Amino acid sequence: MTKKSDPNSRLIAENRRARFDYFIEDDLEAGIILTGSEVKALRTGQSNIAESYASVENGELWLINGYIATLQQAGVFGHEERRRRKLLVSKRELSRLWNATAREGMTLVPLSMYFNDRGIVKLKIGIAKGKKVADKRDTEAKRDWNRQKQRLLKQG
């Protein structure tokens, strides 16, 4: 029996550059507190998390500089496009994230934003360490070699 894909679950935004700029050590799923107009804007796919990051401040986890476009239909009940949005994680995960950022010098990078199977917006956050320029060049060389290898295998 084939499993049907849920129409509610779909990708909203993805930070493709994160895997190029950072070594992703671990990742976790976090909820996000949104207003009604923000959810409607996300349903239309008008968002960007490429320039955003997450931060632990005063015992809370925040998404900073995430972009969600405003809706004209919302009128005066709209929202700010780049406001700070609170992320929801358990206390254990929050303490682990705080230890990673404060003590180990890691960075919290949003990897993707999506609707889960229940239609709730979730954010996948990666605990990452920044790459040096040489590491980025190495990653690019590996990607090019894999592409070339696939072409050679395809030709026979």
Protein backbone atom coordinates (compact mmCIF):
# COMPACT_ATOMS: atom_id res chain seq x y z
CA MET A 1 0.00 0.00 0.00
CA THR A 2 1.49 3.37 -0.96
CA LYS A 3 1.60 6.15 1.56
CA LYS A 4 -0.19 9.29 0.37
CA SER A 5 1.60 12.57 0.88
CA ASP A 6 -0.30 14.92 3.15
CA PRO A 7 -1.40 18.14 1.42
CA ASN A 8 -0.76 20.05 4.65
CA SER A 9 2.93 19.14 4.88
CA ARG A 10 5.15 21.08 2.51
CA LEU A 11 8.35 23.07 2.43
CA ILE A 12 7.98 26.85 2.85
CA ALA A 13 11.58 28.10 2.80
CA GLU A 14 15.02 26.50 2.77
CA ASN A 15 18.45 27.89 3.62
CA ARG A 16 20.54 26.12 0.97
CA ARG A 17 23.60 28.23 1.68
CA ALA A 18 23.81 26.98 5.29
CA ARG A 19 25.36 23.64 4.35
CA PHE A 20 27.97 25.45 2.25
CA ASP A 21 28.92 27.99 4.94
CA TYR A 22 28.73 25.74 8.03
CA PHE A 23 29.51 22.24 9.26
CA ILE A 24 26.12 21.07 10.58
CA GLU A 25 26.82 19.05 13.74
CA ASP A 26 23.23 18.38 14.83
CA ASP A 27 19.72 19.59 14.09
CA LEU A 28 16.38 19.86 15.85
CA GLU A 29 12.80 20.81 15.13
CA ALA A 30 11.30 23.89 16.81
CA GLY A 31 7.85 25.41 16.79
CA ILE A 32 7.44 29.09 16.05
CA ILE A 33 4.99 31.68 17.41
CA LEU A 34 3.28 33.49 14.53
CA THR A 35 0.36 35.84 14.02
CA GLY A 36 -2.53 35.01 11.70
CA SER A 37 -1.36 37.23 8.85
CA GLU A 38 2.11 35.61 9.02
CA VAL A 39 0.63 32.12 8.65
CA LYS A 40 -1.44 33.24 5.66
CA ALA A 41 1.64 34.78 4.06
CA LEU A 42 3.53 31.51 4.63
CA ARG A 43 0.71 29.58 2.95
CA THR A 44 1.37 31.67 -0.17
CA GLY A 45 5.11 30.89 0.15
CA GLN A 46 6.33 34.43 0.75
CA SER A 47 9.24 33.96 3.15
CA ASN A 48 13.03 33.79 3.33
CA ILE A 49 15.30 32.41 6.07
CA ALA A 50 18.60 32.65 4.18
CA GLU A 51 19.89 35.67 6.14
CA SER A 52 18.43 34.70 9.51
CA TYR A 53 19.87 33.05 12.60
CA ALA A 54 18.65 31.81 15.97
CA SER A 55 19.83 33.04 19.35
CA VAL A 56 19.28 32.10 23.01
CA GLU A 57 18.53 35.25 25.01
CA ASN A 58 17.17 35.47 28.57
CA GLY A 59 16.27 31.79 28.64
CA GLU A 60 14.29 31.95 25.38
CA LEU A 61 15.09 30.96 21.80
CA TRP A 62 14.52 33.61 19.09
CA LEU A 63 14.57 33.63 15.30
CA ILE A 64 16.23 36.87 14.24
CA ASN A 65 16.00 38.50 10.80
CA GLY A 66 13.61 35.94 9.31
CA TYR A 67 11.54 37.48 6.49
CA ILE A 68 7.81 36.89 6.08
CA ALA A 69 6.12 39.19 3.55
CA THR A 70 3.15 41.32 4.58
CA LEU A 71 -0.32 40.62 3.22
CA GLN A 72 -2.31 43.46 1.71
CA GLN A 73 -5.56 41.75 2.73
CA ALA A 74 -4.52 41.97 6.41
CA GLY A 75 -4.85 45.77 6.40
CA VAL A 76 -4.11 47.30 9.80
CA PHE A 77 -3.87 43.83 11.39
CA GLY A 78 -0.69 43.00 9.48
CA HIS A 79 2.77 42.29 10.86
CA GLU A 80 6.36 43.49 10.62
CA GLU A 81 8.31 41.65 7.94
CA ARG A 82 11.54 41.10 9.90
CA ARG A 83 10.41 41.02 13.52
CA ARG A 84 11.98 38.70 16.09
CA ARG A 85 9.94 35.51 16.43
CA LYS A 86 9.99 33.28 19.47
CA LEU A 87 10.85 29.62 18.89
CA LEU A 88 9.41 26.82 21.01
CA VAL A 89 11.68 24.06 22.30
CA SER A 90 11.81 22.01 25.49
CA LYS A 91 13.89 23.13 28.47
CA ARG A 92 16.38 20.31 27.88
CA GLU A 93 16.89 21.30 24.24
CA LEU A 94 17.16 24.98 25.21
CA SER A 95 19.91 24.25 27.73
CA ARG A 96 21.73 22.11 25.15
CA LEU A 97 21.52 24.95 22.62
CA TRP A 98 22.73 27.49 25.16
CA ASN A 99 25.72 25.27 26.04
CA ALA A 100 26.56 24.82 22.36
CA THR A 101 26.49 28.54 21.59
CA ALA A 102 27.95 29.99 24.79
CA ARG A 103 30.60 27.41 25.68
CA GLU A 104 31.50 25.64 22.45
CA GLY A 105 31.27 28.61 20.06
CA MET A 106 28.65 27.07 17.79
CA THR A 107 26.04 28.93 15.74
CA LEU A 108 22.31 28.24 15.44
CA VAL A 109 21.38 28.29 11.76
CA PRO A 110 17.82 27.82 10.41
CA LEU A 111 17.91 25.08 7.77
CA SER A 112 14.29 24.90 6.62
CA MET A 113 10.81 26.12 7.45
CA TYR A 114 7.88 23.85 6.64
CA PHE A 115 4.33 22.85 7.49
CA ASN A 116 4.24 19.49 9.26
CA ASP A 117 1.57 16.84 8.58
CA ARG A 118 -0.85 18.63 10.96
CA GLY A 119 -0.42 21.95 9.12
CA ILE A 120 1.68 23.56 11.88
CA VAL A 121 4.71 25.69 10.95
CA LYS A 122 8.00 24.17 12.11
CA LEU A 123 11.58 25.37 11.79
CA LYS A 124 14.53 23.00 11.49
CA ILE A 125 17.55 24.50 13.26
CA GLY A 126 21.10 23.26 12.81
CA ILE A 127 23.81 23.50 15.45
CA ALA A 128 26.74 24.49 13.27
CA LYS A 129 30.37 25.48 13.22
CA GLY A 130 31.56 27.98 10.61
CA LYS A 131 33.72 26.82 7.71
CA LYS A 132 36.96 28.49 6.74
CA VAL A 133 37.60 29.54 3.13
CA ALA A 134 39.72 26.45 2.47
CA ASP A 135 36.92 24.20 3.75
CA LYS A 136 34.45 25.91 1.43
CA ARG A 137 36.80 25.38 -1.52
CA ASP A 138 37.15 21.71 -0.57
CA THR A 139 33.37 21.31 -0.40
CA GLU A 140 32.99 22.91 -3.81
CA ALA A 141 35.72 20.68 -5.29
CA LYS A 142 34.01 17.54 -3.93
CA ARG A 143 30.67 18.66 -5.35
CA ASP A 144 32.24 19.31 -8.77
CA TRP A 145 34.01 15.95 -8.74
CA ASN A 146 30.78 14.12 -7.86
CA ARG A 147 29.00 15.93 -10.69
CA GLN A 148 31.79 14.98 -13.13
CA LYS A 149 31.75 11.38 -11.87
CA GLN A 150 28.02 11.13 -12.51
CA ARG A 151 28.49 12.44 -16.05
CA LEU A 152 31.23 9.86 -16.72
CA LEU A 153 29.11 7.02 -15.36
CA LYS A 154 26.13 8.16 -17.43
CA GLN A 155 28.21 8.20 -20.64
CA GLY A 156 29.40 4.68 -20.02
